[in-house]
């Protein structure tokens, strides 16, 4: 990705966002259920994980928007 052109970097960020969202959509409900059932320590970790995932997606989206704004101008 470091040596890729701008289009490759753009597609990489989009793929990264989609892969993280796929994890959230498919696996997070199972992790939340395990947390509610007391199978994960520390208790409440699923909430921390949700915040971390949202932060990652938010930062990736900001990077994507910044790239689109500053590359077109």
C-alpha atoms as a PDB file:
ATOM      1  CA  UNK A   1       0.000   0.000   0.000  1.00  0.00           C
ATOM      2  CA  UNK A   2       2.908   2.366   0.618  1.00  0.00           C
ATOM      3  CA  UNK A   3       4.150   1.926  -2.934  1.00  0.00           C
ATOM      4  CA  UNK A   4       0.668   1.925  -4.473  1.00  0.00           C
ATOM      5  CA  UNK A   5      -0.797   4.743  -6.486  1.00  0.00           C
ATOM      6  CA  UNK A   6      -3.659   6.934  -5.227  1.00  0.00           C
ATOM      7  CA  UNK A   7      -6.356   4.674  -6.658  1.00  0.00           C
ATOM      8  CA  UNK A   8      -4.870   1.633  -4.887  1.00  0.00           C
ATOM      9  CA  UNK A   9      -4.744   3.531  -1.602  1.00  0.00           C
ATOM     10  CA  UNK A  10      -8.338   4.669  -2.051  1.00  0.00           C
ATOM     11  CA  UNK A  11      -9.553   1.123  -2.688  1.00  0.00           C
ATOM     12  CA  UNK A  12      -7.495  -0.113   0.269  1.00  0.00           C
ATOM     13  CA  UNK A  13      -9.220   2.290   2.652  1.00  0.00           C
ATOM     14  CA  UNK A  14     -12.641   1.326   1.292  1.00  0.00           C
ATOM     15  CA  UNK A  15     -11.781  -2.376   1.715  1.00  0.00           C
ATOM     16  CA  UNK A  16     -10.560  -1.727   5.242  1.00  0.00           C
ATOM     17  CA  UNK A  17     -13.788   0.055   6.159  1.00  0.00           C
ATOM     18  CA  UNK A  18     -15.892  -2.737   4.678  1.00  0.00           C
ATOM     19  CA  UNK A  19     -13.909  -5.463   6.423  1.00  0.00           C
ATOM     20  CA  UNK A  20     -14.228  -3.796   9.829  1.00  0.00           C
ATOM     21  CA  UNK A  21     -17.950  -3.224   9.284  1.00  0.00           C
ATOM     22  CA  UNK A  22     -18.346  -6.857   8.258  1.00  0.00           C
ATOM     23  CA  UNK A  23     -16.744  -7.931  11.532  1.00  0.00           C
ATOM     24  CA  UNK A  24     -19.079  -5.647  13.443  1.00  0.00           C
ATOM     25  CA  UNK A  25     -22.142  -6.856  11.571  1.00  0.00           C
ATOM     26  CA  UNK A  26     -21.385 -10.593  11.693  1.00  0.00           C
ATOM     27  CA  UNK A  27     -19.300 -11.269  14.809  1.00  0.00           C
ATOM     28  CA  UNK A  28     -20.089  -8.505  17.287  1.00  0.00           C
ATOM     29  CA  UNK A  29     -23.582  -9.831  18.155  1.00  0.00           C
ATOM     30  CA  UNK A  30     -22.012 -13.161  19.194  1.00  0.00           C
ATOM     31  CA  UNK A  31     -19.388 -11.369  21.291  1.00  0.00           C
ATOM     32  CA  UNK A  32     -22.069  -9.239  22.944  1.00  0.00           C
ATOM     33  CA  UNK A  33     -24.113 -12.381  23.770  1.00  0.00           C
ATOM     34  CA  UNK A  34     -21.030 -14.087  25.200  1.00  0.00           C
ATOM     35  CA  UNK A  35     -20.388 -10.977  27.306  1.00  0.00           C
ATOM     36  CA  UNK A  36     -23.974 -10.962  28.580  1.00  0.00           C
ATOM     37  CA  UNK A  37     -23.654 -14.660  29.466  1.00  0.00           C
ATOM     38  CA  UNK A  38     -20.481 -13.993  31.465  1.00  0.00           C
ATOM     39  CA  UNK A  39     -18.172 -15.859  29.098  1.00  0.00           C
ATOM     40  CA  UNK A  40     -15.830 -12.907  28.512  1.00  0.00           C
ATOM     41  CA  UNK A  41     -13.697 -11.137  31.079  1.00  0.00           C
ATOM     42  CA  UNK A  42     -13.720  -8.347  31.974  1.00  0.00           C
ATOM     43  CA  UNK A  43     -17.490  -8.044  32.036  1.00  0.00           C
ATOM     44  CA  UNK A  44     -18.698  -5.270  29.743  1.00  0.00           C
ATOM     45  CA  UNK A  45     -15.812  -5.696  27.309  1.00  0.00           C
ATOM     46  CA  UNK A  46     -18.239  -5.837  24.386  1.00  0.00           C
ATOM     47  CA  UNK A  47     -19.090  -2.160  24.998  1.00  0.00           C
ATOM     48  CA  UNK A  48     -15.407  -1.247  24.924  1.00  0.00           C
ATOM     49  CA  UNK A  49     -15.026  -3.248  21.726  1.00  0.00           C
ATOM     50  CA  UNK A  50     -17.994  -1.451  20.142  1.00  0.00           C
ATOM     51  CA  UNK A  51     -16.423   1.926  20.944  1.00  0.00           C
ATOM     52  CA  UNK A  52     -13.083   0.817  19.499  1.00  0.00           C
ATOM     53  CA  UNK A  53     -14.699  -0.485  16.308  1.00  0.00           C
ATOM     54  CA  UNK A  54     -16.729   2.709  15.877  1.00  0.00           C
ATOM     55  CA  UNK A  55     -13.561   4.759  16.400  1.00  0.00           C
ATOM     56  CA  UNK A  56     -11.646   2.791  13.769  1.00  0.00           C
ATOM     57  CA  UNK A  57     -14.447   3.094  11.226  1.00  0.00           C
ATOM     58  CA  UNK A  58     -14.857   6.793  11.999  1.00  0.00           C
ATOM     59  CA  UNK A  59     -11.153   7.492  11.520  1.00  0.00           C
ATOM     60  CA  UNK A  60     -11.029   5.491   8.301  1.00  0.00           C
ATOM     61  CA  UNK A  61     -14.065   7.382   6.985  1.00  0.00           C
ATOM     62  CA  UNK A  62     -12.460  10.712   7.907  1.00  0.00           C
ATOM     63  CA  UNK A  63      -9.281   9.692   6.091  1.00  0.00           C
ATOM     64  CA  UNK A  64     -11.314   8.660   3.050  1.00  0.00           C
ATOM     65  CA  UNK A  65     -13.260  11.927   3.026  1.00  0.00           C
ATOM     66  CA  UNK A  66     -10.086  13.980   3.486  1.00  0.00           C
ATOM     67  CA  UNK A  67      -8.479  12.160   0.584  1.00  0.00           C
ATOM     68  CA  UNK A  68     -11.487  12.706  -1.654  1.00  0.00           C
ATOM     69  CA  UNK A  69     -11.765  16.388  -0.734  1.00  0.00           C
ATOM     70  CA  UNK A  70      -8.099  17.281  -1.032  1.00  0.00           C
ATOM     71  CA  UNK A  71      -7.337  15.165  -4.093  1.00  0.00           C
ATOM     72  CA  UNK A  72     -10.179  16.637  -6.132  1.00  0.00           C
ATOM     73  CA  UNK A  73      -9.207  20.222  -5.293  1.00  0.00           C
END
